[in-house]
């Protein structure tokens, strides 16, 4: 499953709330989180410091330098080099694994890392029971069909018109490049109004009726406090109101 949306709506926070739920309800399931955002916000939310060269982007940069120096054994296939990078990049946690795509070093586009991400999803699809992707902000990730093998798309929005325009653009791209998801959900984050009807109407309008409401999440100062105090959001108290709200609709995705 893939969490998407414009920058700042709370994709990464939603990913970790869902991961916390999965760790609680399915502790023995093999879970992989793929942080596909060059900003690598998942690491900050988990309070897990990782250097650039521990990310896939960093390892690709190292590989390029090795190729320039001809330090790679002859007859080594590109496929085996990429697969080796992917498996070397797995960061182990108690109940899940994490891969950080990272950014490309220096100038240039993010294309090579995106291509590796496609391979990563394909490789791990047969190894892990659940794969959660925190997608980059913007539309390139989907326009390049990086998310071809994703079952469920969860689009996170806030109260802004811009976030709903992202829903509309994603639905257009989905049609243009023939992306097929089993289900498209909209998660409304940072919700502070009593009247939910306008949001339901917007979801229907901007998705052409293709998306279904996942749920509403309010504002919670504890989230900000955890970030400022450098605490992992996985350690959020079980009775936290935001987490309880998320737990109420999380089973829909599964």
C-alpha atoms as a PDB file:
ATOM      1  CA  UNK A   1       0.000   0.000   0.000  1.00  0.00           C
ATOM      2  CA  UNK A   2       1.146   3.522  -0.708  1.00  0.00           C
ATOM      3  CA  UNK A   3       0.520   6.786   1.150  1.00  0.00           C
ATOM      4  CA  UNK A   4       0.459   9.801  -1.165  1.00  0.00           C
ATOM      5  CA  UNK A   5      -0.457  13.491  -1.169  1.00  0.00           C
ATOM      6  CA  UNK A   6       1.006  16.941  -1.400  1.00  0.00           C
ATOM      7  CA  UNK A   7       3.821  18.022   0.906  1.00  0.00           C
ATOM      8  CA  UNK A   8       2.919  18.804   4.502  1.00  0.00           C
ATOM      9  CA  UNK A   9      -0.389  16.933   4.763  1.00  0.00           C
ATOM     10  CA  UNK A  10       0.979  14.275   7.121  1.00  0.00           C
ATOM     11  CA  UNK A  11       1.803  11.268   4.913  1.00  0.00           C
ATOM     12  CA  UNK A  12       4.783  10.130   6.970  1.00  0.00           C
ATOM     13  CA  UNK A  13       2.926  10.525  10.271  1.00  0.00           C
ATOM     14  CA  UNK A  14       0.030   8.498   8.861  1.00  0.00           C
ATOM     15  CA  UNK A  15       2.438   5.769   7.730  1.00  0.00           C
ATOM     16  CA  UNK A  16       3.866   5.429  11.253  1.00  0.00           C
ATOM     17  CA  UNK A  17       0.422   5.438  12.881  1.00  0.00           C
ATOM     18  CA  UNK A  18      -0.541   2.604  10.558  1.00  0.00           C
ATOM     19  CA  UNK A  19       2.711   0.798  11.285  1.00  0.00           C
ATOM     20  CA  UNK A  20       2.071   1.137  15.033  1.00  0.00           C
ATOM     21  CA  UNK A  21      -1.344  -0.438  14.499  1.00  0.00           C
ATOM     22  CA  UNK A  22       0.143  -3.293  12.453  1.00  0.00           C
ATOM     23  CA  UNK A  23       2.857  -3.964  15.024  1.00  0.00           C
ATOM     24  CA  UNK A  24       0.162  -4.239  17.676  1.00  0.00           C
ATOM     25  CA  UNK A  25      -2.343  -6.353  15.737  1.00  0.00           C
ATOM     26  CA  UNK A  26       0.005  -8.380  13.506  1.00  0.00           C
ATOM     27  CA  UNK A  27       3.318  -8.610  15.384  1.00  0.00           C
ATOM     28  CA  UNK A  28       4.471 -11.712  13.501  1.00  0.00           C
ATOM     29  CA  UNK A  29       3.678 -10.477   9.996  1.00  0.00           C
ATOM     30  CA  UNK A  30       6.714  -9.616   7.883  1.00  0.00           C
ATOM     31  CA  UNK A  31       6.469  -5.870   7.303  1.00  0.00           C
ATOM     32  CA  UNK A  32       8.565  -3.580   5.124  1.00  0.00           C
ATOM     33  CA  UNK A  33       8.385   0.225   5.130  1.00  0.00           C
ATOM     34  CA  UNK A  34       9.843   1.966   2.078  1.00  0.00           C
ATOM     35  CA  UNK A  35      10.592   5.646   2.558  1.00  0.00           C
ATOM     36  CA  UNK A  36      10.579   6.837  -1.049  1.00  0.00           C
ATOM     37  CA  UNK A  37      10.702  10.532  -0.153  1.00  0.00           C
ATOM     38  CA  UNK A  38      14.128  12.166  -0.752  1.00  0.00           C
ATOM     39  CA  UNK A  39      13.612  14.088   2.518  1.00  0.00           C
ATOM     40  CA  UNK A  40      13.463  10.763   4.420  1.00  0.00           C
ATOM     41  CA  UNK A  41      10.959  11.988   7.017  1.00  0.00           C
ATOM     42  CA  UNK A  42      10.285   8.482   8.323  1.00  0.00           C
ATOM     43  CA  UNK A  43      13.719   8.434   9.940  1.00  0.00           C
ATOM     44  CA  UNK A  44      12.981  11.648  11.824  1.00  0.00           C
ATOM     45  CA  UNK A  45       9.627  10.344  13.039  1.00  0.00           C
ATOM     46  CA  UNK A  46      11.277   7.122  14.234  1.00  0.00           C
ATOM     47  CA  UNK A  47      14.195   9.092  15.724  1.00  0.00           C
ATOM     48  CA  UNK A  48      16.600   6.835  13.842  1.00  0.00           C
ATOM     49  CA  UNK A  49      19.713   8.647  12.558  1.00  0.00           C
ATOM     50  CA  UNK A  50      20.967   7.202   9.263  1.00  0.00           C
ATOM     51  CA  UNK A  51      23.732   8.629   7.109  1.00  0.00           C
ATOM     52  CA  UNK A  52      23.295   9.398   3.417  1.00  0.00           C
ATOM     53  CA  UNK A  53      25.511   6.451   2.472  1.00  0.00           C
ATOM     54  CA  UNK A  54      23.199   4.039   4.308  1.00  0.00           C
ATOM     55  CA  UNK A  55      20.364   4.971   1.936  1.00  0.00           C
ATOM     56  CA  UNK A  56      19.878   3.467  -1.516  1.00  0.00           C
ATOM     57  CA  UNK A  57      20.625   6.847  -3.082  1.00  0.00           C
ATOM     58  CA  UNK A  58      23.909   6.982  -1.181  1.00  0.00           C
ATOM     59  CA  UNK A  59      24.847   3.441  -2.154  1.00  0.00           C
ATOM     60  CA  UNK A  60      24.091   4.197  -5.806  1.00  0.00           C
ATOM     61  CA  UNK A  61      26.398   7.224  -5.571  1.00  0.00           C
ATOM     62  CA  UNK A  62      29.125   4.938  -4.178  1.00  0.00           C
ATOM     63  CA  UNK A  63      28.483   2.416  -6.969  1.00  0.00           C
ATOM     64  CA  UNK A  64      28.872   5.135  -9.617  1.00  0.00           C
ATOM     65  CA  UNK A  65      32.252   6.074  -8.163  1.00  0.00           C
ATOM     66  CA  UNK A  66      33.327   2.431  -8.132  1.00  0.00           C
ATOM     67  CA  UNK A  67      32.294   2.064 -11.773  1.00  0.00           C
ATOM     68  CA  UNK A  68      34.285   5.170 -12.684  1.00  0.00           C
ATOM     69  CA  UNK A  69      37.357   3.665 -10.987  1.00  0.00           C
ATOM     70  CA  UNK A  70      36.612   0.300 -12.611  1.00  0.00           C
ATOM     71  CA  UNK A  71      36.559  -1.202  -9.116  1.00  0.00           C
ATOM     72  CA  UNK A  72      33.696  -3.583  -9.930  1.00  0.00           C
ATOM     73  CA  UNK A  73      34.590  -7.178 -10.874  1.00  0.00           C
ATOM     74  CA  UNK A  74      34.194  -7.796 -14.618  1.00  0.00           C
ATOM     75  CA  UNK A  75      31.102  -9.592 -15.891  1.00  0.00           C
ATOM     76  CA  UNK A  76      29.064  -8.428 -12.888  1.00  0.00           C
ATOM     77  CA  UNK A  77      25.515  -7.772 -14.077  1.00  0.00           C
ATOM     78  CA  UNK A  78      23.700  -4.527 -13.307  1.00  0.00           C
ATOM     79  CA  UNK A  79      20.800  -6.568 -11.923  1.00  0.00           C
ATOM     80  CA  UNK A  80      22.974  -8.309  -9.339  1.00  0.00           C
ATOM     81  CA  UNK A  81      24.625  -5.000  -8.358  1.00  0.00           C
ATOM     82  CA  UNK A  82      21.229  -3.356  -7.802  1.00  0.00           C
ATOM     83  CA  UNK A  83      19.839  -6.322  -5.869  1.00  0.00           C
ATOM     84  CA  UNK A  84      22.941  -6.318  -3.679  1.00  0.00           C
ATOM     85  CA  UNK A  85      22.438  -2.599  -2.938  1.00  0.00           C
ATOM     86  CA  UNK A  86      18.787  -3.191  -2.048  1.00  0.00           C
ATOM     87  CA  UNK A  87      19.485  -5.973   0.433  1.00  0.00           C
ATOM     88  CA  UNK A  88      22.429  -4.088   1.953  1.00  0.00           C
ATOM     89  CA  UNK A  89      20.122  -1.124   2.574  1.00  0.00           C
ATOM     90  CA  UNK A  90      17.613  -2.928   4.817  1.00  0.00           C
ATOM     91  CA  UNK A  91      17.465  -1.355   8.285  1.00  0.00           C
ATOM     92  CA  UNK A  92      16.208  -3.857  10.859  1.00  0.00           C
ATOM     93  CA  UNK A  93      13.755  -2.975  13.638  1.00  0.00           C
ATOM     94  CA  UNK A  94      12.080  -5.317  16.131  1.00  0.00           C
ATOM     95  CA  UNK A  95       8.832  -5.848  14.212  1.00  0.00           C
ATOM     96  CA  UNK A  96       9.524  -4.432  10.753  1.00  0.00           C
ATOM     97  CA  UNK A  97      12.224  -3.599   8.239  1.00  0.00           C
ATOM     98  CA  UNK A  98      12.871  -0.210   6.661  1.00  0.00           C
ATOM     99  CA  UNK A  99      14.478   0.906   3.423  1.00  0.00           C
ATOM    100  CA  UNK A 100      15.253   4.566   2.778  1.00  0.00           C
ATOM    101  CA  UNK A 101      15.525   5.488  -0.877  1.00  0.00           C
ATOM    102  CA  UNK A 102      17.217   8.821  -0.122  1.00  0.00           C
ATOM    103  CA  UNK A 103      18.284  11.370  -2.667  1.00  0.00           C
ATOM    104  CA  UNK A 104      20.766  11.319  -5.496  1.00  0.00           C
ATOM    105  CA  UNK A 105      24.104  12.898  -4.601  1.00  0.00           C
ATOM    106  CA  UNK A 106      24.891  16.107  -6.475  1.00  0.00           C
ATOM    107  CA  UNK A 107      23.059  17.478  -9.483  1.00  0.00           C
ATOM    108  CA  UNK A 108      20.722  15.508 -11.633  1.00  0.00           C
ATOM    109  CA  UNK A 109      17.273  13.995 -11.494  1.00  0.00           C
ATOM    110  CA  UNK A 110      15.891  11.391  -9.132  1.00  0.00           C
ATOM    111  CA  UNK A 111      15.307   8.933 -11.969  1.00  0.00           C
ATOM    112  CA  UNK A 112      17.898   6.279 -11.137  1.00  0.00           C
ATOM    113  CA  UNK A 113      16.647   5.984  -7.546  1.00  0.00           C
ATOM    114  CA  UNK A 114      13.064   5.703  -8.795  1.00  0.00           C
ATOM    115  CA  UNK A 115      14.096   2.878 -11.138  1.00  0.00           C
ATOM    116  CA  UNK A 116      15.692   1.038  -8.226  1.00  0.00           C
ATOM    117  CA  UNK A 117      12.490   1.559  -6.233  1.00  0.00           C
ATOM    118  CA  UNK A 118      10.527  -0.303  -8.909  1.00  0.00           C
ATOM    119  CA  UNK A 119      12.904  -3.229  -8.553  1.00  0.00           C
ATOM    120  CA  UNK A 120      12.683  -3.015  -4.760  1.00  0.00           C
ATOM    121  CA  UNK A 121       8.883  -3.337  -4.782  1.00  0.00           C
ATOM    122  CA  UNK A 122       9.069  -6.280  -7.183  1.00  0.00           C
ATOM    123  CA  UNK A 123      11.737  -8.100  -5.152  1.00  0.00           C
ATOM    124  CA  UNK A 124      10.106  -7.654  -1.751  1.00  0.00           C
ATOM    125  CA  UNK A 125       6.578  -8.408  -2.918  1.00  0.00           C
ATOM    126  CA  UNK A 126       7.232 -12.134  -2.505  1.00  0.00           C
ATOM    127  CA  UNK A 127       9.217 -11.789   0.741  1.00  0.00           C
ATOM    128  CA  UNK A 128       7.079  -9.527   2.950  1.00  0.00           C
ATOM    129  CA  UNK A 129       3.447  -9.898   3.959  1.00  0.00           C
ATOM    130  CA  UNK A 130       2.858  -6.131   4.051  1.00  0.00           C
ATOM    131  CA  UNK A 131       4.752  -3.355   2.262  1.00  0.00           C
ATOM    132  CA  UNK A 132       4.009   0.288   3.119  1.00  0.00           C
ATOM    133  CA  UNK A 133       5.375   3.042   0.885  1.00  0.00           C
ATOM    134  CA  UNK A 134       5.734   6.671   1.930  1.00  0.00           C
ATOM    135  CA  UNK A 135       5.730   8.292  -1.505  1.00  0.00           C
ATOM    136  CA  UNK A 136       7.438  11.585  -2.398  1.00  0.00           C
ATOM    137  CA  UNK A 137       5.306  14.715  -2.520  1.00  0.00           C
ATOM    138  CA  UNK A 138       4.234  15.500  -6.059  1.00  0.00           C
ATOM    139  CA  UNK A 139       3.178  13.397  -9.016  1.00  0.00           C
ATOM    140  CA  UNK A 140       6.381  12.172 -10.695  1.00  0.00           C
ATOM    141  CA  UNK A 141       6.450   9.022  -8.575  1.00  0.00           C
ATOM    142  CA  UNK A 142       3.132   7.958 -10.132  1.00  0.00           C
ATOM    143  CA  UNK A 143       3.690   9.411 -13.608  1.00  0.00           C
ATOM    144  CA  UNK A 144       6.773   7.169 -13.905  1.00  0.00           C
ATOM    145  CA  UNK A 145       4.620   4.160 -12.929  1.00  0.00           C
ATOM    146  CA  UNK A 146       6.865   3.481  -9.952  1.00  0.00           C
ATOM    147  CA  UNK A 147       3.794   2.295  -8.038  1.00  0.00           C
ATOM    148  CA  UNK A 148       2.665  -0.292 -10.593  1.00  0.00           C
ATOM    149  CA  UNK A 149       2.442  -3.157  -8.094  1.00  0.00           C
ATOM    150  CA  UNK A 150       0.683  -1.232  -5.311  1.00  0.00           C
ATOM    151  CA  UNK A 151      -2.652  -2.666  -4.155  1.00  0.00           C
ATOM    152  CA  UNK A 152      -4.089   0.211  -2.106  1.00  0.00           C
ATOM    153  CA  UNK A 153      -3.488   3.936  -2.572  1.00  0.00           C
ATOM    154  CA  UNK A 154      -4.149   6.140   0.456  1.00  0.00           C
ATOM    155  CA  UNK A 155      -4.219   9.829  -0.454  1.00  0.00           C
ATOM    156  CA  UNK A 156      -3.758  12.058   2.578  1.00  0.00           C
ATOM    157  CA  UNK A 157      -5.396  15.504   2.431  1.00  0.00           C
ATOM    158  CA  UNK A 158      -5.904  18.409   4.787  1.00  0.00           C
ATOM    159  CA  UNK A 159      -8.507  21.157   4.572  1.00  0.00           C
ATOM    160  CA  UNK A 160      -6.793  22.978   1.702  1.00  0.00           C
ATOM    161  CA  UNK A 161      -8.051  23.135  -1.863  1.00  0.00           C
ATOM    162  CA  UNK A 162      -4.482  22.354  -3.019  1.00  0.00           C
ATOM    163  CA  UNK A 163      -4.491  18.954  -1.329  1.00  0.00           C
ATOM    164  CA  UNK A 164      -7.742  18.031  -3.081  1.00  0.00           C
ATOM    165  CA  UNK A 165      -6.295  19.204  -6.400  1.00  0.00           C
ATOM    166  CA  UNK A 166      -3.580  16.614  -5.783  1.00  0.00           C
ATOM    167  CA  UNK A 167      -6.335  13.995  -5.498  1.00  0.00           C
ATOM    168  CA  UNK A 168      -7.703  15.153  -8.846  1.00  0.00           C
ATOM    169  CA  UNK A 169      -4.285  15.094 -10.538  1.00  0.00           C
ATOM    170  CA  UNK A 170      -3.489  11.656  -9.143  1.00  0.00           C
ATOM    171  CA  UNK A 171      -6.762  10.316 -10.515  1.00  0.00           C
ATOM    172  CA  UNK A 172      -5.919  11.819 -13.921  1.00  0.00           C
ATOM    173  CA  UNK A 173      -2.434  10.285 -13.899  1.00  0.00           C
ATOM    174  CA  UNK A 174      -3.885   6.956 -12.778  1.00  0.00           C
ATOM    175  CA  UNK A 175      -6.014   6.960 -15.921  1.00  0.00           C
ATOM    176  CA  UNK A 176      -3.343   8.348 -18.268  1.00  0.00           C
ATOM    177  CA  UNK A 177      -0.660   5.777 -17.423  1.00  0.00           C
ATOM    178  CA  UNK A 178      -3.064   2.906 -16.608  1.00  0.00           C
ATOM    179  CA  UNK A 179      -2.293   2.486 -12.919  1.00  0.00           C
ATOM    180  CA  UNK A 180      -4.609  -0.080 -11.375  1.00  0.00           C
ATOM    181  CA  UNK A 181      -5.194  -0.028  -7.630  1.00  0.00           C
ATOM    182  CA  UNK A 182      -7.520  -2.404  -5.829  1.00  0.00           C
ATOM    183  CA  UNK A 183      -8.762   0.534  -3.781  1.00  0.00           C
ATOM    184  CA  UNK A 184      -8.195   4.291  -3.561  1.00  0.00           C
ATOM    185  CA  UNK A 185      -8.745   5.860  -0.150  1.00  0.00           C
ATOM    186  CA  UNK A 186      -8.750   9.454   1.081  1.00  0.00           C
ATOM    187  CA  UNK A 187      -7.578  10.148   4.626  1.00  0.00           C
ATOM    188  CA  UNK A 188      -8.482  13.611   5.929  1.00  0.00           C
ATOM    189  CA  UNK A 189      -5.800  14.825   8.336  1.00  0.00           C
ATOM    190  CA  UNK A 190      -5.618  17.864  10.660  1.00  0.00           C
ATOM    191  CA  UNK A 191      -9.423  17.991  10.725  1.00  0.00           C
ATOM    192  CA  UNK A 192     -10.943  20.494  13.153  1.00  0.00           C
ATOM    193  CA  UNK A 193     -14.507  21.129  11.926  1.00  0.00           C
ATOM    194  CA  UNK A 194     -17.752  19.542  13.063  1.00  0.00           C
ATOM    195  CA  UNK A 195     -19.348  19.410   9.617  1.00  0.00           C
ATOM    196  CA  UNK A 196     -17.810  16.576   7.585  1.00  0.00           C
ATOM    197  CA  UNK A 197     -20.246  16.748   4.663  1.00  0.00           C
ATOM    198  CA  UNK A 198     -18.196  19.252   2.569  1.00  0.00           C
ATOM    199  CA  UNK A 199     -15.193  16.919   2.771  1.00  0.00           C
ATOM    200  CA  UNK A 200     -17.267  13.960   1.640  1.00  0.00           C
ATOM    201  CA  UNK A 201     -18.532  15.990  -1.306  1.00  0.00           C
ATOM    202  CA  UNK A 202     -15.006  17.076  -2.196  1.00  0.00           C
ATOM    203  CA  UNK A 203     -13.703  13.510  -2.113  1.00  0.00           C
ATOM    204  CA  UNK A 204     -16.432  12.424  -4.525  1.00  0.00           C
ATOM    205  CA  UNK A 205     -15.972  15.461  -6.788  1.00  0.00           C
ATOM    206  CA  UNK A 206     -12.176  15.529  -7.060  1.00  0.00           C
ATOM    207  CA  UNK A 207     -11.806  11.749  -7.419  1.00  0.00           C
ATOM    208  CA  UNK A 208     -14.657  11.388  -9.925  1.00  0.00           C
ATOM    209  CA  UNK A 209     -16.260   9.001  -7.457  1.00  0.00           C
ATOM    210  CA  UNK A 210     -13.270   6.631  -7.581  1.00  0.00           C
ATOM    211  CA  UNK A 211     -12.027   7.186  -4.016  1.00  0.00           C
ATOM    212  CA  UNK A 212     -13.582   6.208  -0.717  1.00  0.00           C
ATOM    213  CA  UNK A 213     -13.226   7.955   2.627  1.00  0.00           C
ATOM    214  CA  UNK A 214     -10.840   6.170   4.968  1.00  0.00           C
ATOM    215  CA  UNK A 215     -11.373   8.415   7.971  1.00  0.00           C
ATOM    216  CA  UNK A 216     -10.710  11.693   9.757  1.00  0.00           C
ATOM    217  CA  UNK A 217      -7.757  12.570  11.973  1.00  0.00           C
ATOM    218  CA  UNK A 218      -7.779  15.670  14.147  1.00  0.00           C
ATOM    219  CA  UNK A 219      -4.939  17.851  15.333  1.00  0.00           C
ATOM    220  CA  UNK A 220      -2.829  16.588  18.212  1.00  0.00           C
ATOM    221  CA  UNK A 221      -0.127  18.603  19.964  1.00  0.00           C
ATOM    222  CA  UNK A 222       1.439  15.368  21.249  1.00  0.00           C
ATOM    223  CA  UNK A 223       2.636  14.605  17.713  1.00  0.00           C
ATOM    224  CA  UNK A 224       4.495  17.899  17.550  1.00  0.00           C
ATOM    225  CA  UNK A 225       5.870  17.345  21.046  1.00  0.00           C
ATOM    226  CA  UNK A 226       7.244  13.929  20.089  1.00  0.00           C
ATOM    227  CA  UNK A 227       8.963  15.435  17.047  1.00  0.00           C
ATOM    228  CA  UNK A 228      10.512  18.275  19.026  1.00  0.00           C
ATOM    229  CA  UNK A 229      11.628  15.962  21.842  1.00  0.00           C
ATOM    230  CA  UNK A 230      13.055  13.483  19.300  1.00  0.00           C
ATOM    231  CA  UNK A 231      10.856  10.607  20.408  1.00  0.00           C
ATOM    232  CA  UNK A 232       9.760   7.829  18.104  1.00  0.00           C
ATOM    233  CA  UNK A 233       6.099   8.114  17.178  1.00  0.00           C
ATOM    234  CA  UNK A 234       5.867   4.346  17.609  1.00  0.00           C
ATOM    235  CA  UNK A 235       6.116   5.031  21.350  1.00  0.00           C
ATOM    236  CA  UNK A 236       2.927   7.102  21.283  1.00  0.00           C
ATOM    237  CA  UNK A 237       0.676   6.019  24.200  1.00  0.00           C
ATOM    238  CA  UNK A 238      -1.948   3.458  23.288  1.00  0.00           C
ATOM    239  CA  UNK A 239      -4.709   5.725  24.617  1.00  0.00           C
ATOM    240  CA  UNK A 240      -3.633   8.733  22.533  1.00  0.00           C
ATOM    241  CA  UNK A 241      -6.793  10.140  20.914  1.00  0.00           C
ATOM    242  CA  UNK A 242      -5.247  10.481  17.454  1.00  0.00           C
ATOM    243  CA  UNK A 243      -4.000   6.908  17.490  1.00  0.00           C
ATOM    244  CA  UNK A 244      -7.368   5.679  18.746  1.00  0.00           C
ATOM    245  CA  UNK A 245      -9.051   7.473  15.834  1.00  0.00           C
ATOM    246  CA  UNK A 246      -6.630   5.832  13.418  1.00  0.00           C
ATOM    247  CA  UNK A 247      -7.249   2.409  14.943  1.00  0.00           C
ATOM    248  CA  UNK A 248     -10.985   2.819  14.349  1.00  0.00           C
ATOM    249  CA  UNK A 249     -10.614   2.860  10.564  1.00  0.00           C
ATOM    250  CA  UNK A 250      -7.231   1.128   9.978  1.00  0.00           C
ATOM    251  CA  UNK A 251      -8.869  -2.316   9.494  1.00  0.00           C
ATOM    252  CA  UNK A 252     -10.531  -0.982   6.325  1.00  0.00           C
ATOM    253  CA  UNK A 253      -7.181  -0.988   4.538  1.00  0.00           C
ATOM    254  CA  UNK A 254      -6.555  -4.641   5.372  1.00  0.00           C
END
